[in-house]
Protein backbone atom coordinates (compact mmCIF):
# COMPACT_ATOMS: atom_id res chain seq x y z
CA UNK A 1 12.78 -31.74 12.65
CA UNK A 2 14.21 -29.56 15.39
CA UNK A 3 16.45 -27.75 12.90
CA UNK A 4 13.59 -25.46 11.96
CA UNK A 5 12.98 -24.44 15.56
CA UNK A 6 16.64 -24.39 16.63
CA UNK A 7 18.26 -21.71 14.54
CA UNK A 8 17.63 -23.18 11.14
CA UNK A 9 15.12 -21.98 8.60
CA UNK A 10 13.10 -19.84 11.03
CA UNK A 11 16.11 -17.75 12.03
CA UNK A 12 17.07 -17.21 8.37
CA UNK A 13 13.47 -16.25 7.64
CA UNK A 14 13.49 -13.79 10.54
CA UNK A 15 16.69 -12.20 9.18
CA UNK A 16 15.23 -11.74 5.70
CA UNK A 17 11.86 -10.60 7.06
CA UNK A 18 13.60 -8.09 9.32
CA UNK A 19 15.04 -6.41 6.24
CA UNK A 20 11.81 -6.46 4.23
CA UNK A 21 9.13 -5.67 6.83
CA UNK A 22 10.77 -4.88 10.17
CA UNK A 23 7.51 -3.91 11.89
CA UNK A 24 5.83 -7.29 11.38
CA UNK A 25 7.43 -10.21 13.24
CA UNK A 26 7.48 -13.64 11.57
CA UNK A 27 6.08 -15.35 14.63
CA UNK A 28 3.31 -12.78 15.21
CA UNK A 29 -0.11 -13.85 16.36
CA UNK A 30 -3.28 -13.07 14.44
CA UNK A 31 -4.11 -10.33 16.93
CA UNK A 32 -0.74 -8.65 16.33
CA UNK A 33 -1.15 -8.90 12.55
CA UNK A 34 -4.63 -7.36 12.72
CA UNK A 35 -3.47 -4.37 14.72
CA UNK A 36 -4.54 -0.88 13.70
CA UNK A 37 -1.05 -0.11 12.41
CA UNK A 38 -0.97 -3.05 10.03
CA UNK A 39 -4.51 -2.43 8.84
CA UNK A 40 -3.79 1.24 8.11
CA UNK A 41 -0.57 0.35 6.29
CA UNK A 42 -2.42 -2.29 4.25
CA UNK A 43 -5.18 0.17 3.32
CA UNK A 44 -2.61 2.68 2.02
CA UNK A 45 -0.78 -0.09 0.14
CA UNK A 46 -4.08 -1.21 -1.39
CA UNK A 47 -4.90 2.38 -2.41
CA UNK A 48 -1.52 2.62 -4.13
CA UNK A 49 -2.09 -0.65 -5.98
CA UNK A 50 -5.55 0.48 -7.11
CA UNK A 51 -4.02 3.79 -8.24
CA UNK A 52 -1.42 1.99 -10.33
CA UNK A 53 -3.94 -0.39 -11.91
CA UNK A 54 -6.40 2.41 -12.67
CA UNK A 55 -3.70 4.60 -14.17
CA UNK A 56 -2.45 1.79 -16.39
CA UNK A 57 -6.00 0.96 -17.44
CA UNK A 58 -6.77 4.59 -18.34
CA UNK A 59 -3.47 4.94 -20.16
CA UNK A 60 -4.21 1.78 -22.14
CA UNK A 61 -7.61 3.21 -23.11
CA UNK A 62 -5.87 6.41 -24.24
CA UNK A 63 -3.26 4.56 -26.28
CA UNK A 64 -5.81 2.30 -27.97
CA UNK A 65 -8.32 5.08 -28.69
CA UNK A 66 -7.25 5.20 -32.36
CA UNK A 67 -7.80 8.96 -32.49
CA UNK A 68 -11.48 8.74 -31.48
CA UNK A 69 -12.14 12.06 -29.69
CA UNK A 70 -14.79 10.49 -27.45
CA UNK A 71 -12.41 7.76 -26.21
CA UNK A 72 -9.56 10.26 -25.79
CA UNK A 73 -11.79 12.53 -23.69
CA UNK A 74 -12.95 9.56 -21.60
CA UNK A 75 -9.40 8.33 -21.00
CA UNK A 76 -8.16 11.84 -20.17
CA UNK A 77 -10.96 12.28 -17.63
CA UNK A 78 -10.17 8.90 -16.07
CA UNK A 79 -6.47 9.81 -15.79
CA UNK A 80 -7.39 13.09 -14.07
CA UNK A 81 -9.75 11.25 -11.72
CA UNK A 82 -7.00 8.77 -10.83
CA UNK A 83 -4.64 11.60 -9.93
CA UNK A 84 -7.33 13.37 -7.90
CA UNK A 85 -7.89 10.10 -6.06
CA UNK A 86 -4.23 9.60 -5.20
CA UNK A 87 -4.00 13.22 -3.99
CA UNK A 88 -6.93 12.54 -1.65
CA UNK A 89 -5.25 9.33 -0.40
CA UNK A 90 -1.96 11.14 0.18
CA UNK A 91 -3.77 13.95 2.02
CA UNK A 92 -5.51 11.40 4.22
CA UNK A 93 -2.13 9.78 4.94
CA UNK A 94 -0.74 13.13 6.04
CA UNK A 95 -3.82 13.80 8.18
CA UNK A 96 -3.48 10.39 9.86
CA UNK A 97 0.20 11.08 10.55
CA UNK A 98 -0.64 14.48 12.05
CA UNK A 99 -3.37 12.99 14.26
CA UNK A 100 -1.00 10.26 15.45
CA UNK A 101 1.69 12.86 16.21
CA UNK A 102 -0.80 14.94 18.21
CA UNK A 103 -1.83 11.83 20.16
CA UNK A 104 1.81 11.06 20.86
CA UNK A 105 1.99 7.94 18.68
CA UNK A 106 4.19 9.11 15.78
CA UNK A 107 5.86 5.76 15.09
CA UNK A 108 2.73 3.78 14.26
CA UNK A 109 2.91 4.29 10.48
């Protein structure tokens, strides 16, 4: 039983985790995991995932439109909206980085 605590699985997990997500410790408390940095990073990750899903969905609608001009126009508009959305998210990311740099906290994200 003590192998996990004494340099066994937990240390190997910390090594792997250090390569994947170096800013989040394996043995972090709930308060550390719910810090502003992690929440902001999660929100941007979630926005990227929504972007990808929406783009694939709109592309699928375009591909399966069977030449129907109404469906093609709808899918094209959705694709444009998805790209406008990701531009807004990227702009907000840059704005957050600038604000953090001005406040002297550039390493948070």
